[in-house]
Protein backbone atom coordinates (compact mmCIF):
# COMPACT_ATOMS: atom_id res chain seq x y z
CA MET A 1 47.64 -16.22 38.08
CA GLY A 2 50.09 -18.12 35.87
CA PRO A 3 53.04 -20.23 36.74
CA ASP A 4 55.55 -19.71 39.05
CA PRO A 5 58.11 -17.26 37.72
CA ASP A 6 61.22 -19.07 40.23
CA GLN A 7 60.20 -22.88 39.07
CA LEU A 8 62.87 -24.46 37.12
CA HIS A 9 60.44 -26.76 35.07
CA PRO A 10 57.20 -24.81 34.74
CA LEU A 11 55.51 -27.71 32.27
CA GLY A 12 54.23 -30.49 34.39
CA PHE A 13 54.40 -32.91 31.45
CA THR A 14 58.28 -32.48 30.63
CA ASP A 15 61.54 -31.09 31.79
CA GLN A 16 63.03 -30.41 28.58
CA VAL A 17 61.75 -26.56 29.21
CA ALA A 18 63.49 -24.88 31.85
CA PHE A 19 63.03 -20.81 33.05
CA LEU A 20 66.38 -19.32 33.13
CA ALA A 21 65.83 -16.78 35.52
CA PRO A 22 65.94 -19.40 38.54
CA ILE A 23 69.00 -20.57 36.39
CA ALA A 24 71.05 -17.37 36.35
CA LYS A 25 70.69 -16.30 39.86
CA GLY A 26 74.08 -15.99 41.16
CA ARG A 27 76.29 -15.97 38.28
CA ASP A 28 77.76 -13.13 37.29
CA ARG A 29 77.01 -10.61 34.52
CA VAL A 30 74.00 -12.15 33.56
CA GLU A 31 70.57 -11.32 34.04
CA VAL A 32 67.13 -12.78 32.80
CA GLY A 33 63.39 -11.32 33.18
CA ARG A 34 60.79 -13.60 34.61
CA PHE A 35 59.12 -16.57 32.31
CA THR A 36 61.79 -16.52 29.74
CA TYR A 37 62.59 -19.94 28.94
CA TYR A 38 64.83 -22.37 27.04
CA ASP A 39 63.33 -25.44 25.22
CA ASP A 40 65.98 -28.55 24.84
CA PRO A 41 65.40 -32.20 25.13
CA ALA A 42 69.13 -32.60 26.58
CA GLY A 43 68.69 -30.40 29.36
CA PRO A 44 67.75 -26.88 29.44
CA GLU A 45 69.42 -26.24 32.82
CA HIS A 46 72.67 -26.63 31.44
CA PHE A 47 71.85 -23.37 28.93
CA PHE A 48 74.59 -21.43 30.72
CA ASP A 49 77.32 -24.05 30.93
CA ARG A 50 76.32 -24.98 26.89
CA ASN A 51 74.96 -22.39 25.29
CA VAL A 52 76.54 -19.31 26.60
CA LEU A 53 80.21 -19.70 24.96
CA TYR A 54 83.59 -17.57 26.04
CA HIS A 55 81.93 -15.38 29.07
CA PHE A 56 84.87 -15.46 30.24
CA GLU A 57 85.96 -13.36 33.80
CA PHE A 58 88.33 -10.91 32.26
CA SER A 59 85.34 -9.63 29.71
CA PRO A 60 83.47 -6.78 31.42
CA SER A 61 80.66 -7.68 29.07
CA LYS A 62 77.20 -8.76 30.17
CA LEU A 63 74.33 -10.97 29.30
CA ILE A 64 70.86 -9.26 29.68
CA ILE A 65 68.20 -11.15 28.36
CA GLY A 66 64.28 -9.37 28.81
CA PRO A 67 61.04 -11.41 30.19
CA PHE A 68 58.82 -13.48 28.16
CA CYS A 69 61.42 -14.63 25.79
CA ALA A 70 61.39 -17.81 24.10
CA LEU A 71 64.41 -20.03 23.15
CA ALA A 72 64.46 -22.82 20.74
CA THR A 73 66.87 -25.78 21.43
CA GLY A 74 70.39 -25.18 20.28
CA THR A 75 70.22 -21.19 20.71
CA THR A 76 73.98 -20.34 21.30
CA ILE A 77 75.12 -16.82 22.48
CA ILE A 78 78.68 -16.01 21.64
CA MET A 79 80.29 -13.82 24.32
CA ASP A 80 82.90 -11.32 23.89
CA GLY A 81 85.19 -13.42 25.61
CA ALA A 82 85.70 -14.96 22.20
CA ASN A 83 86.95 -12.10 20.70
CA HIS A 84 90.78 -11.88 19.82
CA ALA A 85 93.02 -8.37 19.43
CA MET A 86 93.11 -7.59 16.15
CA SER A 87 94.61 -4.14 15.67
CA GLY A 88 98.25 -5.60 15.59
CA HIS A 89 99.79 -7.98 13.10
CA SER A 90 98.61 -11.65 14.82
CA THR A 91 95.63 -12.53 16.49
CA PHE A 92 97.08 -15.14 18.33
CA PRO A 93 96.58 -15.01 22.27
CA PHE A 94 100.08 -15.41 23.61
CA ASP A 95 99.51 -14.22 26.78
CA ILE A 96 97.12 -17.09 27.87
CA PHE A 97 98.98 -19.99 27.31
CA SER A 98 102.76 -19.00 28.90
CA ASP A 99 103.74 -16.50 31.61
CA ASP A 100 106.92 -15.86 29.69
CA TRP A 101 104.00 -14.45 26.89
CA LYS A 102 102.36 -12.14 28.89
CA GLN A 103 103.81 -8.88 27.12
CA GLY A 104 102.32 -7.23 24.29
CA VAL A 105 98.60 -7.71 23.73
CA SER A 106 96.98 -7.79 27.40
CA SER A 107 93.01 -9.14 28.39
CA ALA A 108 92.61 -5.19 28.56
CA ASP A 109 93.32 -4.71 24.81
CA VAL A 110 91.05 -7.29 23.68
CA ASN A 111 88.30 -6.07 25.65
CA ALA A 112 89.09 -2.37 24.42
CA GLU A 113 88.01 -3.69 20.94
CA GLY A 114 84.97 -5.52 22.15
CA ARG A 115 81.61 -5.04 21.38
CA GLY A 116 80.02 -4.72 24.55
CA ASP A 117 76.89 -6.22 26.33
CA THR A 118 74.81 -8.73 25.00
CA VAL A 119 70.85 -7.50 24.84
CA ILE A 120 67.75 -9.61 24.06
CA GLY A 121 64.89 -7.42 24.81
CA PRO A 122 61.55 -8.64 25.90
CA ASP A 123 58.70 -10.91 24.27
CA VAL A 124 61.36 -12.41 22.06
CA TRP A 125 61.27 -15.36 19.83
CA ILE A 126 64.59 -17.54 19.00
CA GLY A 127 64.80 -20.19 16.34
CA ASN A 128 65.63 -23.67 16.98
CA GLY A 129 70.03 -23.39 16.31
CA ALA A 130 70.38 -19.71 15.93
CA VAL A 131 73.91 -18.16 16.82
CA LEU A 132 73.89 -14.75 18.35
CA MET A 133 77.68 -12.88 18.06
CA PRO A 134 79.13 -10.86 20.45
CA GLY A 135 77.47 -7.72 21.41
CA VAL A 136 74.20 -7.83 19.06
CA ASN A 137 71.28 -6.30 20.64
CA ILE A 138 67.94 -7.80 19.58
CA GLY A 139 64.96 -5.44 19.91
CA ALA A 140 61.76 -6.27 21.78
CA GLY A 141 59.17 -8.69 19.75
CA ALA A 142 61.44 -9.47 17.31
CA ILE A 143 61.73 -13.20 15.69
CA ILE A 144 64.94 -14.93 14.71
CA GLY A 145 64.64 -17.33 12.49
CA ALA A 146 65.90 -21.18 12.90
CA ARG A 147 69.80 -21.22 11.88
CA ALA A 148 69.87 -17.68 11.53
CA VAL A 149 73.96 -16.14 12.44
CA VAL A 150 72.87 -12.82 13.80
CA SER A 151 76.32 -10.60 13.84
CA GLY A 152 73.88 -7.04 14.23
CA ASP A 153 71.39 -5.41 15.88
CA VAL A 154 67.71 -6.74 15.23
CA ALA A 155 65.10 -3.86 15.47
CA PRO A 156 61.83 -4.56 17.48
CA TYR A 157 59.53 -6.50 16.16
CA THR A 158 61.23 -7.33 13.07
CA ILE A 159 61.39 -11.21 11.72
CA ALA A 160 65.51 -11.72 10.78
CA ALA A 161 66.71 -14.74 9.01
CA GLY A 162 69.91 -16.38 7.47
CA ASN A 163 73.56 -15.92 7.22
CA PRO A 164 73.92 -13.65 8.34
CA ALA A 165 70.79 -12.70 9.35
CA ARG A 166 68.94 -10.14 7.77
CA PRO A 167 65.47 -8.31 8.04
CA VAL A 168 62.65 -10.57 6.22
CA ARG A 169 60.25 -7.77 7.33
CA GLN A 170 58.44 -5.73 10.19
CA ARG A 171 55.68 -7.72 11.62
CA PHE A 172 53.26 -4.29 12.07
CA ASP A 173 53.78 -0.86 10.86
CA ASP A 174 55.75 1.93 12.47
CA ALA A 175 52.73 2.92 14.37
CA THR A 176 51.70 -0.22 16.00
CA VAL A 177 55.23 -0.74 16.79
CA ALA A 178 56.15 2.73 18.55
CA ALA A 179 52.50 2.18 20.39
CA LEU A 180 53.56 -1.71 21.60
CA LEU A 181 56.70 -0.14 22.88
CA ASP A 182 55.03 2.52 24.85
CA ILE A 183 52.49 -0.36 26.17
CA ALA A 184 55.29 -2.29 27.21
CA TRP A 185 52.71 -4.92 28.39
CA TRP A 186 55.95 -6.97 29.75
CA ASP A 187 56.83 -4.68 32.92
CA TRP A 188 52.93 -5.11 33.65
CA PRO A 189 52.37 -7.15 37.57
CA VAL A 190 51.69 -10.69 36.46
CA GLU A 191 47.90 -10.07 37.63
CA LYS A 192 47.15 -7.45 35.04
CA ILE A 193 48.79 -9.72 32.27
CA THR A 194 46.65 -12.46 33.33
CA ARG A 195 43.55 -10.73 32.96
CA ASN A 196 44.25 -8.99 29.50
CA LEU A 197 45.73 -12.12 28.01
CA ASN A 198 43.21 -11.67 24.79
CA ALA A 199 44.79 -8.24 24.58
CA ILE A 200 48.26 -9.39 24.59
CA ARG A 201 47.81 -12.41 22.10
CA GLY A 202 45.30 -10.61 19.84
CA ALA A 203 45.91 -8.20 17.30
CA ASP A 204 43.37 -5.37 18.22
CA LEU A 205 45.72 -2.73 19.31
CA ALA A 206 42.83 -0.57 20.73
CA ALA A 207 42.00 -3.32 22.89
CA LEU A 208 45.83 -3.54 24.37
CA ARG A 209 45.58 0.18 24.88
CA ASP A 210 41.78 -0.01 26.74
CA ALA A 211 44.07 -2.38 28.87
CA GLN A 212 46.84 0.20 30.03
């Protein structure tokens, strides 16, 4: 009935692939769906320490990653804690360096200018070395090209690439995208997914509808 979603290294022949949900357990403001994995020969178990940057305690923003996502080596997610307040004359974070400088702009002011949660939808494929900037929302079924720098939202089932990332094309027509979002196979019980892999991986929308 498929691999154990709580297993750290689901592939018997290599440890460079890890499911992220078991690594995310107990981490504050992090949610990861089942079967989402990260691939890195340098140790995928270090993803949240090495690849999720500036996720400081003073920032309320969350990192939410849906199920069945594939994150290639070097995927980097920059969180809201990287932001400096830009409403004043200087962006320098005086308050973090000295108690004597804890006046004027505070962490609360920075948070007020923040971009909020970073959300990666289900069934998203992120290419090698892609960078996600704070507060982006990547829709279900999207593909992010290698080395892309994503600074804005990406619509569901859209391929985005470049720096800054721009839509290259939509993977399916609007009606098919709407149907896929309605079917939401990633929310099915794993037993149902296992029975219907041909329909999920195939290109026959009618077959996938029949599996609902």
